[in-house]
Amino acid sequence: MLRGPEGLIPPKMPRSVTVPCHIKARAFHLLSGVSGWGFAGGQVEPTVSMIVRIHYADGKTEDHPLKNGVHFADYIRVIDVPESKLAFNLGGRQIRYLAIEVARDEAVESIEFIKGRDRTAPVVMSITAELRD
């Protein structure tokens, strides 16, 4: 979980987390797409909940902003959003699946998860790298 302004635990969480990779990846597959205080239905202007920043070995970066109401929904119940899909219904709660495509055929040094500026507390349960041939 990344930092969020609501509740007791989210304000104590980090604003970003970096995971070392040192691989050539085609994509990163996430069990994520949920947050505390996330999209719960109705018309809401999408906000950036989390940025996935790919750091290449040559020092360049690539950002993938993930939006509340587009990629992310609240964890509290199954809520469909267009750019992620339900992975598991966990006793009425949800965890979603989405993939981040890597644009360059260069070694990925690390992947960083950065909290967006909205009031959500995004959660990443797992990440799997799909290697290039």
N, C-alpha and C. Protein backbone atom coordinates (compact mmCIF):
# COMPACT_ATOMS: atom_id res chain seq x y z
N MET A 1 0.85 -1.18 0.00
CA MET A 1 0.00 0.00 0.00
C MET A 1 0.89 1.24 0.00
N LEU A 2 0.51 2.19 -0.84
CA LEU A 2 1.19 3.48 -0.85
C LEU A 2 0.40 4.48 -0.02
N ARG A 3 1.05 5.57 0.30
CA ARG A 3 0.48 6.59 1.18
C ARG A 3 -0.86 7.12 0.66
N GLY A 4 -1.75 7.35 1.58
CA GLY A 4 -3.02 8.01 1.32
C GLY A 4 -3.34 8.87 2.52
N PRO A 5 -4.17 9.91 2.37
CA PRO A 5 -4.44 10.83 3.47
C PRO A 5 -5.49 10.36 4.47
N GLU A 6 -6.26 9.33 4.13
CA GLU A 6 -7.38 8.91 4.97
C GLU A 6 -6.98 7.75 5.88
N GLY A 7 -7.72 7.58 6.97
CA GLY A 7 -7.54 6.43 7.86
C GLY A 7 -6.32 6.53 8.76
N LEU A 8 -5.99 5.42 9.45
CA LEU A 8 -4.88 5.38 10.38
C LEU A 8 -3.58 4.88 9.76
N ILE A 9 -3.66 3.87 8.90
CA ILE A 9 -2.46 3.24 8.34
C ILE A 9 -1.97 3.93 7.06
N PRO A 10 -2.83 4.26 6.10
CA PRO A 10 -2.33 4.84 4.84
C PRO A 10 -1.42 6.07 5.00
N PRO A 11 -1.67 7.00 5.94
CA PRO A 11 -0.75 8.15 6.06
C PRO A 11 0.66 7.76 6.50
N LYS A 12 0.84 6.55 7.01
CA LYS A 12 2.15 6.09 7.47
C LYS A 12 2.90 5.29 6.39
N MET A 13 2.26 5.04 5.27
CA MET A 13 2.85 4.25 4.20
C MET A 13 3.79 5.11 3.35
N PRO A 14 4.70 4.47 2.58
CA PRO A 14 5.64 5.24 1.75
C PRO A 14 4.95 5.89 0.55
N ARG A 15 5.54 6.96 0.07
CA ARG A 15 5.04 7.65 -1.13
C ARG A 15 5.48 6.92 -2.40
N SER A 16 6.55 6.14 -2.30
CA SER A 16 7.01 5.36 -3.45
C SER A 16 7.78 4.14 -2.96
N VAL A 17 7.81 3.13 -3.83
CA VAL A 17 8.56 1.89 -3.57
C VAL A 17 9.25 1.51 -4.87
N THR A 18 10.54 1.16 -4.77
CA THR A 18 11.32 0.77 -5.94
C THR A 18 11.70 -0.70 -5.82
N VAL A 19 11.51 -1.44 -6.91
CA VAL A 19 11.85 -2.86 -6.97
C VAL A 19 12.94 -3.05 -8.01
N PRO A 20 14.13 -3.54 -7.61
CA PRO A 20 15.19 -3.79 -8.59
C PRO A 20 14.80 -4.92 -9.55
N CYS A 21 15.21 -4.81 -10.81
CA CYS A 21 14.85 -5.84 -11.80
C CYS A 21 16.06 -6.42 -12.51
N HIS A 22 16.82 -5.58 -13.23
CA HIS A 22 18.00 -6.00 -13.99
C HIS A 22 17.65 -7.06 -15.04
N ILE A 23 16.58 -6.80 -15.80
CA ILE A 23 16.12 -7.75 -16.82
C ILE A 23 15.63 -7.00 -18.05
N LYS A 24 15.51 -7.71 -19.15
CA LYS A 24 14.81 -7.19 -20.33
C LYS A 24 13.39 -7.71 -20.25
N ALA A 25 12.45 -6.80 -20.04
CA ALA A 25 11.05 -7.19 -19.85
C ALA A 25 10.21 -6.74 -21.02
N ARG A 26 9.22 -7.53 -21.36
CA ARG A 26 8.21 -7.18 -22.36
C ARG A 26 7.05 -6.46 -21.66
N ALA A 27 6.72 -6.94 -20.45
CA ALA A 27 5.60 -6.38 -19.70
C ALA A 27 5.75 -6.73 -18.23
N PHE A 28 5.04 -5.99 -17.41
CA PHE A 28 4.91 -6.30 -15.99
C PHE A 28 3.42 -6.55 -15.72
N HIS A 29 3.13 -7.68 -15.11
CA HIS A 29 1.75 -8.07 -14.80
C HIS A 29 1.52 -7.84 -13.31
N LEU A 30 0.44 -7.10 -13.01
CA LEU A 30 0.18 -6.71 -11.62
C LEU A 30 -1.13 -7.30 -11.11
N LEU A 31 -1.09 -7.82 -9.90
CA LEU A 31 -2.30 -8.02 -9.12
C LEU A 31 -2.38 -6.75 -8.29
N SER A 32 -3.29 -5.88 -8.66
CA SER A 32 -3.39 -4.54 -8.10
C SER A 32 -4.73 -3.98 -8.52
N GLY A 33 -4.76 -2.74 -8.99
CA GLY A 33 -5.98 -2.13 -9.51
C GLY A 33 -7.02 -1.84 -8.46
N VAL A 34 -6.62 -1.90 -7.17
CA VAL A 34 -7.53 -1.57 -6.08
C VAL A 34 -6.85 -0.59 -5.14
N SER A 35 -7.69 0.13 -4.41
CA SER A 35 -7.18 1.10 -3.45
C SER A 35 -8.20 1.33 -2.36
N GLY A 36 -7.72 1.86 -1.26
CA GLY A 36 -8.62 2.40 -0.26
C GLY A 36 -9.10 3.75 -0.76
N TRP A 37 -10.37 4.05 -0.55
CA TRP A 37 -10.99 5.31 -0.95
C TRP A 37 -10.94 5.50 -2.45
N GLY A 38 -11.02 4.38 -3.18
CA GLY A 38 -10.99 4.41 -4.63
C GLY A 38 -12.37 4.56 -5.24
N PHE A 39 -12.40 4.50 -6.55
CA PHE A 39 -13.62 4.64 -7.34
C PHE A 39 -14.67 3.63 -6.90
N ALA A 40 -15.86 4.13 -6.66
CA ALA A 40 -16.94 3.27 -6.16
C ALA A 40 -18.20 3.38 -6.99
N GLY A 41 -18.08 3.85 -8.22
CA GLY A 41 -19.25 3.98 -9.07
C GLY A 41 -19.67 5.42 -9.22
N GLY A 42 -20.56 5.67 -10.14
CA GLY A 42 -21.00 7.04 -10.40
C GLY A 42 -20.00 7.78 -11.27
N GLN A 43 -20.36 8.98 -11.66
CA GLN A 43 -19.48 9.78 -12.50
C GLN A 43 -18.43 10.47 -11.63
N VAL A 44 -17.19 10.15 -11.90
CA VAL A 44 -16.07 10.76 -11.19
C VAL A 44 -15.01 11.09 -12.24
N GLU A 45 -14.46 12.28 -12.15
CA GLU A 45 -13.36 12.64 -13.04
C GLU A 45 -12.14 11.80 -12.65
N PRO A 46 -11.56 11.02 -13.58
CA PRO A 46 -10.41 10.18 -13.23
C PRO A 46 -9.22 11.01 -12.73
N THR A 47 -8.59 10.51 -11.68
CA THR A 47 -7.39 11.12 -11.12
C THR A 47 -6.28 10.08 -11.10
N VAL A 48 -5.03 10.52 -11.08
CA VAL A 48 -3.91 9.58 -11.04
C VAL A 48 -3.77 9.03 -9.63
N SER A 49 -3.97 7.73 -9.51
CA SER A 49 -3.83 7.04 -8.23
C SER A 49 -2.38 6.62 -8.01
N MET A 50 -1.73 6.11 -9.07
CA MET A 50 -0.36 5.63 -8.96
C MET A 50 0.34 5.76 -10.30
N ILE A 51 1.62 6.06 -10.26
CA ILE A 51 2.46 6.10 -11.45
C ILE A 51 3.42 4.92 -11.37
N VAL A 52 3.48 4.12 -12.44
CA VAL A 52 4.47 3.07 -12.55
C VAL A 52 5.59 3.64 -13.42
N ARG A 53 6.77 3.82 -12.81
CA ARG A 53 7.91 4.39 -13.54
C ARG A 53 8.94 3.29 -13.79
N ILE A 54 9.24 3.07 -15.06
CA ILE A 54 10.24 2.08 -15.45
C ILE A 54 11.57 2.82 -15.60
N HIS A 55 12.58 2.34 -14.89
CA HIS A 55 13.93 2.90 -14.96
C HIS A 55 14.79 1.95 -15.80
N TYR A 56 15.30 2.47 -16.91
CA TYR A 56 16.15 1.66 -17.78
C TYR A 56 17.61 1.77 -17.34
N ALA A 57 18.40 0.78 -17.72
CA ALA A 57 19.82 0.74 -17.36
C ALA A 57 20.58 1.93 -17.94
N ASP A 58 20.10 2.51 -19.05
CA ASP A 58 20.78 3.67 -19.65
C ASP A 58 20.39 4.99 -19.01
N GLY A 59 19.59 4.95 -17.92
CA GLY A 59 19.21 6.15 -17.20
C GLY A 59 17.89 6.77 -17.63
N LYS A 60 17.33 6.35 -18.73
CA LYS A 60 16.04 6.88 -19.19
C LYS A 60 14.91 6.26 -18.37
N THR A 61 13.78 6.97 -18.34
CA THR A 61 12.60 6.48 -17.62
C THR A 61 11.38 6.52 -18.52
N GLU A 62 10.36 5.78 -18.11
CA GLU A 62 9.09 5.70 -18.83
C GLU A 62 7.98 5.65 -17.79
N ASP A 63 7.04 6.59 -17.84
CA ASP A 63 5.96 6.66 -16.86
C ASP A 63 4.66 6.10 -17.41
N HIS A 64 3.96 5.37 -16.54
CA HIS A 64 2.63 4.84 -16.84
C HIS A 64 1.69 5.29 -15.73
N PRO A 65 0.94 6.40 -15.93
CA PRO A 65 -0.01 6.84 -14.91
C PRO A 65 -1.24 5.93 -14.91
N LEU A 66 -1.60 5.45 -13.72
CA LEU A 66 -2.78 4.59 -13.57
C LEU A 66 -3.84 5.39 -12.83
N LYS A 67 -5.04 5.42 -13.41
CA LYS A 67 -6.07 6.34 -12.93
C LYS A 67 -7.17 5.64 -12.14
N ASN A 68 -7.61 6.35 -11.11
CA ASN A 68 -8.75 5.96 -10.31
C ASN A 68 -10.01 6.05 -11.18
N GLY A 69 -10.77 4.97 -11.25
CA GLY A 69 -11.96 4.93 -12.10
C GLY A 69 -11.69 4.42 -13.50
N VAL A 70 -10.41 4.26 -13.87
CA VAL A 70 -10.03 3.73 -15.18
C VAL A 70 -9.26 2.42 -14.99
N HIS A 71 -8.19 2.47 -14.19
CA HIS A 71 -7.39 1.28 -13.86
C HIS A 71 -7.70 0.77 -12.45
N PHE A 72 -8.03 1.70 -11.55
CA PHE A 72 -8.23 1.39 -10.13
C PHE A 72 -9.68 1.58 -9.70
N ALA A 73 -10.09 0.75 -8.75
CA ALA A 73 -11.39 0.86 -8.10
C ALA A 73 -11.20 0.58 -6.61
N ASP A 74 -12.19 0.89 -5.82
CA ASP A 74 -12.10 0.60 -4.39
C ASP A 74 -12.07 -0.92 -4.19
N TYR A 75 -11.36 -1.35 -3.17
CA TYR A 75 -11.22 -2.79 -2.89
C TYR A 75 -12.45 -3.38 -2.22
N ILE A 76 -13.29 -2.56 -1.64
CA ILE A 76 -14.34 -2.98 -0.70
C ILE A 76 -15.38 -3.93 -1.29
N ARG A 77 -15.60 -3.83 -2.61
CA ARG A 77 -16.53 -4.74 -3.29
C ARG A 77 -16.11 -4.80 -4.76
N VAL A 78 -16.67 -5.72 -5.50
CA VAL A 78 -16.33 -5.84 -6.92
C VAL A 78 -16.95 -4.65 -7.67
N ILE A 79 -16.07 -3.85 -8.26
CA ILE A 79 -16.45 -2.67 -9.03
C ILE A 79 -15.66 -2.74 -10.33
N ASP A 80 -16.34 -2.75 -11.46
CA ASP A 80 -15.66 -2.87 -12.74
C ASP A 80 -15.16 -1.51 -13.21
N VAL A 81 -13.95 -1.49 -13.73
CA VAL A 81 -13.37 -0.31 -14.39
C VAL A 81 -12.78 -0.79 -15.72
N PRO A 82 -12.67 0.09 -16.72
CA PRO A 82 -12.36 -0.38 -18.07
C PRO A 82 -10.94 -0.91 -18.33
N GLU A 83 -9.93 -0.46 -17.60
CA GLU A 83 -8.55 -0.82 -17.94
C GLU A 83 -7.90 -1.82 -16.99
N SER A 84 -8.71 -2.51 -16.18
CA SER A 84 -8.23 -3.66 -15.39
C SER A 84 -9.39 -4.62 -15.30
N LYS A 85 -9.08 -5.86 -14.94
CA LYS A 85 -10.18 -6.83 -14.83
C LYS A 85 -10.09 -7.57 -13.51
N LEU A 86 -11.23 -8.04 -13.07
CA LEU A 86 -11.32 -8.77 -11.81
C LEU A 86 -10.43 -10.00 -11.88
N ALA A 87 -9.53 -10.14 -10.91
CA ALA A 87 -8.69 -11.33 -10.82
C ALA A 87 -9.28 -12.30 -9.81
N PHE A 88 -9.65 -11.79 -8.63
CA PHE A 88 -10.20 -12.63 -7.56
C PHE A 88 -11.26 -11.86 -6.79
N ASN A 89 -12.35 -12.55 -6.49
CA ASN A 89 -13.34 -12.06 -5.55
C ASN A 89 -12.97 -12.69 -4.21
N LEU A 90 -12.54 -11.87 -3.28
CA LEU A 90 -12.03 -12.34 -2.00
C LEU A 90 -13.07 -12.11 -0.91
N GLY A 91 -14.08 -12.97 -0.90
CA GLY A 91 -15.13 -12.82 0.11
C GLY A 91 -15.88 -11.51 -0.02
N GLY A 92 -16.15 -11.09 -1.24
CA GLY A 92 -16.86 -9.84 -1.48
C GLY A 92 -15.93 -8.67 -1.74
N ARG A 93 -14.64 -8.81 -1.42
CA ARG A 93 -13.63 -7.80 -1.73
C ARG A 93 -13.00 -8.18 -3.08
N GLN A 94 -12.22 -7.28 -3.66
CA GLN A 94 -11.64 -7.61 -4.96
C GLN A 94 -10.15 -7.32 -5.03
N ILE A 95 -9.48 -8.04 -5.92
CA ILE A 95 -8.14 -7.69 -6.40
C ILE A 95 -8.23 -7.81 -7.92
N ARG A 96 -7.60 -6.87 -8.63
CA ARG A 96 -7.75 -6.79 -10.06
C ARG A 96 -6.42 -7.08 -10.75
N TYR A 97 -6.49 -7.34 -12.06
CA TYR A 97 -5.31 -7.62 -12.88
C TYR A 97 -5.15 -6.53 -13.92
N LEU A 98 -3.90 -6.11 -14.14
CA LEU A 98 -3.59 -5.23 -15.25
C LEU A 98 -2.13 -5.45 -15.65
N ALA A 99 -1.79 -5.06 -16.86
CA ALA A 99 -0.44 -5.23 -17.38
C ALA A 99 0.12 -3.88 -17.82
N ILE A 100 1.40 -3.72 -17.59
CA ILE A 100 2.14 -2.54 -18.03
C ILE A 100 3.09 -3.01 -19.14
N GLU A 101 2.88 -2.52 -20.35
CA GLU A 101 3.74 -2.88 -21.48
C GLU A 101 5.00 -2.03 -21.46
N VAL A 102 6.14 -2.65 -21.64
CA VAL A 102 7.43 -1.96 -21.66
C VAL A 102 7.71 -1.52 -23.10
N ALA A 103 7.96 -0.24 -23.30
CA ALA A 103 8.09 0.31 -24.65
C ALA A 103 9.43 0.02 -25.32
N ARG A 104 10.50 -0.05 -24.53
CA ARG A 104 11.84 -0.15 -25.11
C ARG A 104 12.42 -1.55 -24.95
N ASP A 105 13.25 -1.93 -25.90
CA ASP A 105 13.95 -3.22 -25.85
C ASP A 105 15.31 -3.02 -25.18
N GLU A 106 15.28 -2.47 -23.99
CA GLU A 106 16.49 -2.19 -23.20
C GLU A 106 16.32 -2.85 -21.83
N ALA A 107 17.42 -3.06 -21.15
CA ALA A 107 17.36 -3.64 -19.80
C ALA A 107 16.65 -2.70 -18.84
N VAL A 108 15.75 -3.26 -18.05
CA VAL A 108 15.05 -2.51 -17.02
C VAL A 108 15.83 -2.68 -15.72
N GLU A 109 16.32 -1.56 -15.21
CA GLU A 109 17.10 -1.56 -13.97
C GLU A 109 16.18 -1.75 -12.76
N SER A 110 15.05 -1.02 -12.77
CA SER A 110 14.10 -1.11 -11.66
C SER A 110 12.73 -0.60 -12.10
N ILE A 111 11.75 -0.94 -11.29
CA ILE A 111 10.39 -0.43 -11.51
C ILE A 111 9.98 0.25 -10.20
N GLU A 112 9.41 1.44 -10.34
CA GLU A 112 9.06 2.25 -9.18
C GLU A 112 7.56 2.50 -9.17
N PHE A 113 6.95 2.36 -8.01
CA PHE A 113 5.53 2.64 -7.81
C PHE A 113 5.45 3.93 -7.01
N ILE A 114 4.82 4.96 -7.61
CA ILE A 114 4.77 6.29 -7.01
C ILE A 114 3.32 6.69 -6.77
N LYS A 115 3.03 7.17 -5.59
CA LYS A 115 1.68 7.62 -5.26
C LYS A 115 1.32 8.84 -6.09
N GLY A 116 0.12 8.82 -6.71
CA GLY A 116 -0.40 9.98 -7.42
C GLY A 116 -0.90 11.02 -6.43
N ARG A 117 -1.48 12.10 -6.94
CA ARG A 117 -1.88 13.22 -6.08
C ARG A 117 -3.30 13.13 -5.55
N ASP A 118 -4.01 12.05 -5.83
CA ASP A 118 -5.40 11.98 -5.35
C ASP A 118 -5.44 11.44 -3.91
N ARG A 119 -6.65 11.20 -3.39
CA ARG A 119 -6.81 10.79 -1.99
C ARG A 119 -6.87 9.27 -1.79
N THR A 120 -6.60 8.50 -2.83
CA THR A 120 -6.65 7.04 -2.72
C THR A 120 -5.38 6.50 -2.06
N ALA A 121 -5.45 5.25 -1.62
CA ALA A 121 -4.31 4.51 -1.08
C ALA A 121 -4.15 3.26 -1.94
N PRO A 122 -3.39 3.34 -3.05
CA PRO A 122 -3.28 2.21 -3.99
C PRO A 122 -2.52 1.03 -3.39
N VAL A 123 -2.94 -0.17 -3.80
CA VAL A 123 -2.36 -1.42 -3.30
C VAL A 123 -1.82 -2.22 -4.48
N VAL A 124 -0.61 -2.76 -4.32
CA VAL A 124 -0.03 -3.72 -5.27
C VAL A 124 0.23 -4.99 -4.48
N MET A 125 -0.45 -6.07 -4.86
CA MET A 125 -0.27 -7.35 -4.16
C MET A 125 0.90 -8.15 -4.72
N SER A 126 1.07 -8.12 -6.05
CA SER A 126 2.19 -8.85 -6.64
C SER A 126 2.50 -8.27 -8.02
N ILE A 127 3.73 -8.55 -8.44
CA ILE A 127 4.18 -8.14 -9.78
C ILE A 127 4.98 -9.29 -10.37
N THR A 128 4.71 -9.56 -11.64
CA THR A 128 5.43 -10.61 -12.37
C THR A 128 5.97 -9.99 -13.65
N ALA A 129 7.25 -10.22 -13.92
CA ALA A 129 7.86 -9.71 -15.15
C ALA A 129 7.74 -10.75 -16.26
N GLU A 130 7.29 -10.32 -17.42
CA GLU A 130 7.28 -11.15 -18.62
C GLU A 130 8.54 -10.79 -19.39
N LEU A 131 9.44 -11.75 -19.55
CA LEU A 131 10.72 -11.50 -20.18
C LEU A 131 10.61 -11.41 -21.70
N ARG A 132 11.51 -10.64 -22.29
CA ARG A 132 11.63 -10.59 -23.76
C ARG A 132 12.33 -11.86 -24.21
N ASP A 133 12.13 -12.23 -25.47
CA ASP A 133 12.79 -13.43 -26.02
C ASP A 133 14.29 -13.27 -26.02
